[in-house]
Protein backbone atom coordinates (compact mmCIF):
# COMPACT_ATOMS: atom_id res chain seq x y z
CA MET A 1 -22.31 -4.32 -12.96
CA LYS A 2 -20.95 -3.54 -16.81
CA SER A 3 -18.82 -7.02 -16.86
CA LYS A 4 -21.47 -9.19 -15.35
CA SER A 5 -24.25 -7.88 -18.18
CA THR A 6 -21.23 -8.32 -20.67
CA ILE A 7 -20.81 -12.05 -19.97
CA ASN A 8 -24.44 -12.35 -20.15
CA MET A 9 -24.83 -10.79 -23.47
CA LEU A 10 -22.06 -12.96 -24.90
CA LYS A 11 -24.05 -16.03 -23.37
CA LYS A 12 -27.00 -15.14 -25.01
CA ILE A 13 -25.32 -15.07 -28.54
CA TRP A 14 -23.52 -17.94 -27.76
CA ASP A 15 -26.73 -19.92 -26.93
CA THR A 16 -28.81 -18.54 -29.34
CA SER A 17 -26.56 -19.14 -32.39
CA PRO A 18 -26.77 -22.43 -34.45
CA LYS A 19 -25.67 -25.61 -32.87
CA ASP A 20 -24.36 -27.01 -35.42
CA ILE A 21 -21.35 -24.03 -35.83
CA ASN A 22 -18.15 -24.90 -35.22
CA GLY A 23 -15.92 -21.75 -35.62
CA GLU A 24 -16.88 -17.63 -35.81
CA VAL A 25 -20.10 -16.85 -34.62
CA PRO A 26 -21.00 -12.90 -36.27
CA ILE A 27 -22.54 -10.62 -33.26
CA PRO A 28 -25.50 -8.96 -34.48
CA SER A 29 -25.60 -4.47 -34.18
CA ALA A 30 -28.46 -2.29 -33.86
CA SER A 31 -26.95 -0.17 -36.60
CA GLN A 32 -26.63 -0.57 -40.00
CA ASP A 33 -23.21 1.05 -40.37
CA THR A 34 -20.53 -1.73 -39.52
CA SER A 35 -18.47 -0.69 -42.54
CA PHE A 36 -15.36 0.05 -39.78
CA TYR A 37 -15.25 -3.42 -38.21
CA ASN A 38 -17.48 -6.50 -37.83
CA ILE A 39 -17.64 -8.62 -34.84
CA PHE A 40 -17.10 -11.80 -34.08
CA LEU A 41 -17.55 -14.80 -31.06
CA GLU A 42 -15.33 -17.87 -31.16
CA LYS A 43 -17.61 -20.56 -30.86
CA ASN A 44 -15.23 -23.80 -30.74
CA SER A 45 -15.66 -27.07 -29.55
CA SER A 46 -12.64 -28.91 -30.57
CA PHE A 47 -8.79 -27.68 -30.10
CA PRO A 48 -6.35 -26.36 -31.67
CA ALA A 49 -8.41 -24.01 -33.89
CA ASN A 50 -6.57 -22.48 -36.89
CA TYR A 51 -6.91 -19.40 -38.41
CA SER A 52 -4.98 -16.87 -40.76
CA THR A 53 -6.35 -13.40 -40.29
CA GLN A 54 -7.68 -11.72 -43.84
CA GLN A 55 -7.81 -8.53 -42.33
CA ALA A 56 -6.45 -6.26 -39.63
CA THR A 57 -7.89 -7.63 -36.23
CA LEU A 58 -8.16 -7.68 -32.43
CA LEU A 59 -8.59 -10.14 -30.24
CA MET A 60 -10.35 -9.76 -26.70
CA VAL A 61 -10.95 -12.29 -24.09
CA VAL A 62 -13.93 -11.75 -21.35
CA GLY A 63 -14.22 -13.84 -18.36
CA GLY A 64 -11.49 -17.05 -18.09
CA GLU A 65 -8.28 -17.58 -19.91
CA ALA A 66 -7.42 -18.55 -23.16
CA LYS A 67 -4.25 -20.01 -24.59
CA ILE A 68 -2.89 -18.68 -28.12
CA GLU A 69 -0.11 -19.39 -30.29
CA VAL A 70 1.19 -17.04 -32.33
CA ASP A 71 4.33 -16.70 -34.75
CA GLY A 72 5.71 -19.92 -32.38
CA LYS A 73 4.73 -18.06 -29.05
CA ILE A 74 1.98 -19.27 -26.84
CA LEU A 75 0.19 -16.62 -25.27
CA LYS A 76 -2.03 -16.92 -22.60
CA MET A 77 -5.08 -14.43 -23.01
CA LYS A 78 -6.82 -13.34 -19.66
CA ALA A 79 -9.98 -10.87 -18.94
CA GLY A 80 -8.52 -7.60 -19.96
CA THR A 81 -5.46 -8.66 -22.57
CA LEU A 82 -5.57 -7.37 -25.90
CA LEU A 83 -3.95 -8.83 -29.32
CA THR A 84 -3.50 -6.68 -32.48
CA LEU A 85 -2.62 -8.80 -35.71
CA LYS A 86 -2.40 -7.95 -39.11
CA ARG A 87 -3.54 -9.16 -42.17
CA LYS A 88 -2.25 -12.66 -43.49
CA ILE A 89 -1.49 -13.68 -40.08
CA LYS A 90 -1.77 -17.55 -38.81
CA TYR A 91 -2.73 -18.22 -35.11
CA ARG A 92 -3.94 -21.18 -33.28
CA ILE A 93 -6.18 -21.46 -30.61
CA LEU A 94 -5.16 -24.01 -28.50
CA LYS A 95 -7.86 -23.78 -25.30
CA LEU A 96 -10.32 -21.69 -24.24
CA GLU A 97 -12.02 -21.93 -20.68
CA THR A 98 -15.27 -22.57 -20.37
CA THR A 99 -15.78 -19.40 -18.74
CA CYS A 100 -13.94 -17.66 -21.71
CA TYR A 101 -14.99 -15.89 -24.09
CA LEU A 102 -12.96 -14.73 -27.35
CA VAL A 103 -14.21 -11.82 -29.45
CA LYS A 104 -12.69 -11.29 -32.51
CA ILE A 105 -12.72 -7.67 -33.86
CA LYS A 106 -12.05 -7.74 -37.77
CA PHE A 107 -11.59 -4.23 -39.27
CA HIS A 108 -12.02 -2.92 -43.19
CA ILE A 109 -9.85 -4.29 -45.57
CA SER A 110 -8.14 -0.94 -46.07
CA PHE A 111 -7.22 -0.61 -42.04
CA LYS A 112 -3.82 -0.89 -41.18
CA TRP A 113 -2.55 -1.10 -37.69
CA ILE A 114 0.87 1.03 -38.33
CA LYS A 115 -1.12 3.46 -40.49
CA PHE A 116 -3.37 3.79 -37.66
CA ILE A 117 -1.17 4.89 -35.17
CA HIS A 118 1.02 7.07 -37.31
CA ASP A 119 -1.91 9.35 -38.32
CA LEU A 120 -2.94 9.64 -34.31
CA HIS A 121 -1.85 12.95 -32.48
CA LEU A 122 0.41 11.76 -30.13
CA ARG A 123 1.66 14.46 -28.23
CA SER A 124 4.03 13.02 -24.98
CA THR A 125 7.12 11.67 -25.68
CA ARG A 126 6.24 8.61 -23.85
CA GLU A 127 3.80 7.80 -26.20
CA GLN A 128 5.45 8.86 -29.42
CA LYS A 129 8.37 6.36 -28.32
CA LEU A 130 5.83 3.21 -27.70
CA ALA A 131 4.08 4.09 -30.81
CA GLU A 132 7.32 3.22 -32.91
CA ILE A 133 7.79 0.38 -30.28
CA TYR A 134 4.64 -1.02 -31.40
CA SER A 135 4.84 -0.33 -34.69
CA LYS A 136 8.43 -1.44 -35.25
CA ARG A 137 6.95 -5.17 -33.22
CA MET A 138 4.02 -5.05 -35.93
CA LEU A 139 6.36 -4.77 -38.50
CA ASP A 140 8.32 -7.40 -37.90
CA LYS A 141 6.14 -9.87 -36.16
CA GLY A 142 3.04 -8.78 -37.20
CA TYR A 143 1.47 -8.80 -33.60
CA PHE A 144 1.29 -7.12 -30.35
CA TYR A 145 0.19 -8.28 -27.32
CA PHE A 146 -0.49 -5.96 -24.28
CA LEU A 147 -1.20 -7.43 -20.95
CA ASN A 148 -4.05 -5.36 -19.84
CA SER A 149 -6.22 -5.98 -16.65
CA ALA A 150 -10.01 -6.51 -16.47
CA LYS A 151 -10.27 -3.70 -14.19
CA SER A 152 -7.77 -1.40 -17.04
CA LEU A 153 -9.53 1.25 -19.18
CA PRO A 154 -8.41 -0.50 -22.05
CA SER A 155 -10.68 -3.27 -20.95
CA LYS A 156 -13.35 -0.94 -19.99
CA LEU A 157 -13.45 0.98 -23.26
CA CYS A 158 -13.50 -2.82 -25.03
CA VAL A 159 -16.68 -3.71 -23.25
CA GLN A 160 -18.24 -0.46 -23.89
CA LEU A 161 -17.25 -0.81 -27.29
CA LEU A 162 -19.23 -4.27 -27.53
CA HIS A 163 -22.23 -3.04 -25.87
CA GLU A 164 -22.31 0.40 -28.20
CA TYR A 165 -21.97 -1.65 -31.31
CA TRP A 166 -24.88 -4.50 -30.00
CA GLU A 167 -27.36 -2.37 -28.66
CA SER A 168 -26.46 1.18 -30.46
CA ASN A 169 -28.15 2.00 -33.91
CA LEU A 170 -26.04 5.02 -34.02
CA PHE A 171 -22.74 3.10 -34.14
CA THR A 172 -20.73 4.43 -36.94
CA TRP A 173 -17.61 4.18 -38.97
CA ASN A 174 -16.64 7.33 -36.61
CA VAL A 175 -17.62 5.82 -33.26
CA GLY A 176 -15.63 2.79 -34.30
CA VAL A 177 -12.71 4.88 -35.24
CA TYR A 178 -13.14 6.98 -31.95
CA PHE A 179 -13.28 3.65 -29.90
CA THR A 180 -10.14 2.11 -31.42
CA GLN A 181 -8.13 5.63 -30.74
CA LEU A 182 -8.56 5.33 -27.33
CA ILE A 183 -8.48 1.87 -26.76
CA LEU A 184 -4.83 1.77 -28.86
CA VAL A 185 -3.42 4.72 -26.64
CA SER A 186 -4.66 4.16 -23.28
CA SER A 187 -3.20 0.36 -24.04
CA LEU A 188 0.08 2.09 -25.29
CA GLU A 189 0.01 4.25 -22.26
CA ARG A 190 0.16 0.97 -19.70
CA LEU A 191 2.53 -1.15 -21.33
CA ARG A 192 5.57 -2.47 -18.98
CA ALA A 193 9.30 -2.15 -19.26
CA ASP A 194 9.62 -5.45 -20.79
CA ASN A 195 7.61 -4.11 -23.56
CA THR A 196 9.44 -1.18 -24.37
CA GLU A 197 13.13 0.30 -24.42
CA LEU A 198 11.91 3.29 -22.09
CA PRO A 199 13.27 3.32 -18.18
CA VAL A 200 10.07 2.17 -15.94
CA LEU A 201 9.31 4.52 -13.20
CA ASN A 202 10.00 2.90 -9.76
CA LYS A 203 11.44 3.30 -7.03
CA GLU A 204 14.77 1.96 -7.49
CA ASN A 205 15.09 3.35 -10.81
CA LEU A 206 14.09 6.74 -9.33
CA ILE A 207 16.60 6.53 -6.91
CA ASP A 208 19.05 5.77 -8.86
CA TYR A 209 18.54 8.37 -11.42
CA ILE A 210 18.57 10.79 -8.76
CA ASP A 211 22.03 9.89 -7.20
CA GLU A 212 23.78 10.21 -10.81
CA ASN A 213 21.70 13.40 -11.52
CA TYR A 214 20.97 15.57 -8.41
CA ALA A 215 23.39 18.23 -9.10
CA ASN A 216 21.88 19.32 -13.00
CA ILE A 217 18.14 18.29 -12.96
CA ASN A 218 14.76 19.47 -12.55
CA LEU A 219 11.14 18.33 -12.74
CA THR A 220 10.88 18.93 -16.56
CA VAL A 221 14.07 17.14 -17.00
CA ALA A 222 13.60 14.03 -15.29
CA ALA A 223 10.09 13.89 -16.79
CA ARG A 224 11.36 13.66 -20.41
CA HIS A 225 13.46 11.30 -19.23
CA PHE A 226 10.82 8.98 -17.82
CA GLY A 227 8.81 9.67 -20.69
CA PHE A 228 6.07 11.74 -19.21
CA SER A 229 4.84 14.99 -18.82
CA SER A 230 5.71 17.11 -15.76
CA SER A 231 2.21 16.79 -14.25
CA TYR A 232 1.60 13.09 -14.81
CA PHE A 233 5.38 12.46 -13.54
CA SER A 234 5.21 14.49 -10.45
CA ARG A 235 1.84 12.67 -9.46
CA GLN A 236 3.69 9.32 -9.80
CA VAL A 237 7.04 9.90 -7.79
CA LYS A 238 4.29 11.42 -5.22
CA LYS A 239 2.00 8.18 -5.44
CA ILE A 240 5.61 6.04 -5.24
CA MET A 241 7.92 7.91 -3.12
CA GLY A 242 5.40 9.42 -0.50
CA THR A 243 6.89 12.80 -1.32
CA THR A 244 7.61 15.17 -4.16
CA PHE A 245 10.56 14.70 -6.87
CA ILE A 246 11.65 17.94 -5.77
CA ARG A 247 11.94 17.13 -2.06
CA LEU A 248 13.97 14.09 -3.42
CA VAL A 249 16.35 15.96 -5.29
CA GLU A 250 16.70 18.47 -2.24
CA LYS A 251 17.34 16.15 -0.12
CA ARG A 252 19.77 13.87 -1.86
CA ARG A 253 21.67 17.60 -2.26
CA ILE A 254 21.67 18.53 1.13
CA GLU A 255 23.30 14.74 1.92
CA GLU A 256 25.89 14.93 -0.52
CA ALA A 257 26.62 18.57 0.50
CA LYS A 258 26.85 17.75 4.67
CA ARG A 259 29.49 14.33 3.20
CA LEU A 260 31.89 17.06 1.35
CA ARG A 261 31.39 19.46 3.99
CA ILE A 262 32.82 16.62 6.37
CA THR A 263 35.81 15.52 4.57
CA LYS A 264 37.04 19.06 4.43
CA LYS A 265 38.57 19.86 1.08
CA TYR A 266 36.15 22.03 -0.03
CA THR A 267 35.08 25.36 0.80
CA ILE A 268 31.46 26.62 0.87
CA ASN A 269 30.88 28.14 -2.52
CA GLU A 270 32.88 24.77 -4.08
CA ILE A 271 30.31 22.68 -2.11
CA MET A 272 27.49 24.83 -3.47
CA GLN A 273 28.76 24.24 -7.14
CA GLU A 274 29.45 20.26 -6.71
CA VAL A 275 25.58 19.87 -5.97
CA GLY A 276 23.89 22.16 -7.90
CA TYR A 277 23.04 25.43 -5.52
CA ALA A 278 23.83 29.20 -6.99
CA SER A 279 22.83 31.19 -4.21
CA LYS A 280 24.47 30.68 -0.55
CA SER A 281 21.52 32.04 1.34
CA PHE A 282 18.87 29.67 -0.91
CA PHE A 283 21.92 27.13 0.20
CA TYR A 284 21.54 27.86 3.93
CA LYS A 285 17.75 27.83 3.97
CA LYS A 286 17.64 24.11 2.11
CA LEU A 287 20.18 23.27 4.62
CA LYS A 288 18.13 24.18 7.67
CA GLU A 289 14.75 23.16 6.34
CA GLU A 290 16.50 19.65 5.88
CA ILE A 291 17.90 19.89 9.39
CA ASP A 292 14.26 20.45 11.04
CA ASN A 293 13.04 17.91 9.05
CA ILE A 294 15.12 15.48 10.70
CA ASN A 295 14.79 17.29 14.56
């Protein structure tokens, strides 16, 4: 299992490092090209331990839990969580569990997180918005905290990066850039609502959105509202609701049509227009399908 071999790898580095080191231990690389970044393992026995980044840095936890203070905020870092730091940012390690390995990836002095993410070719609206939010936070605060899980894609990529760095003599600048791009983009995709200004896609928000817009929405419009591609949005809706987005909209339209019909204040044409149907035959077809589904 990869996670177990990673812990064994880090334990070996810890055990074979000089006993008198109280700080950062460099992780050796099988490659001679470590110009894009160097990787270190925190080896401290006394806390708090104070640091100031000399270059852009990525902190990651393998196993256990660490408590780190940045800008007066205490962050609980568990396996999978990532912390990106700008240059000249002060942070304090308050606690490291005995089972915790804190890995520090220090980038080339020319590397800047904001420029790096702006140079990425982000296609989806969601990724672009998340990149803007990330850049703003990094500019204002100097750090960004990703609450990834140990089994998430970004975490698996970080673990693979560690092994490539330690074991492969083919590790180069371009390989480092490639891994960093994948880790950053996949981490952005996993951001929660409290980290973004985008509406989170859950059952409650989806139902509210359909209730407010059923008469004039389609799959593309709804996907754009939540910041996803149409195909990804469609799959997520099916996963959350157990049915398709189109089916949910049609059901809501028919419910409203029946409600309006009961009032006896509207003609069929007026009801059709009100709920978003242009064809009477299509409207009757959907109405019949809804009745059949009930029966």
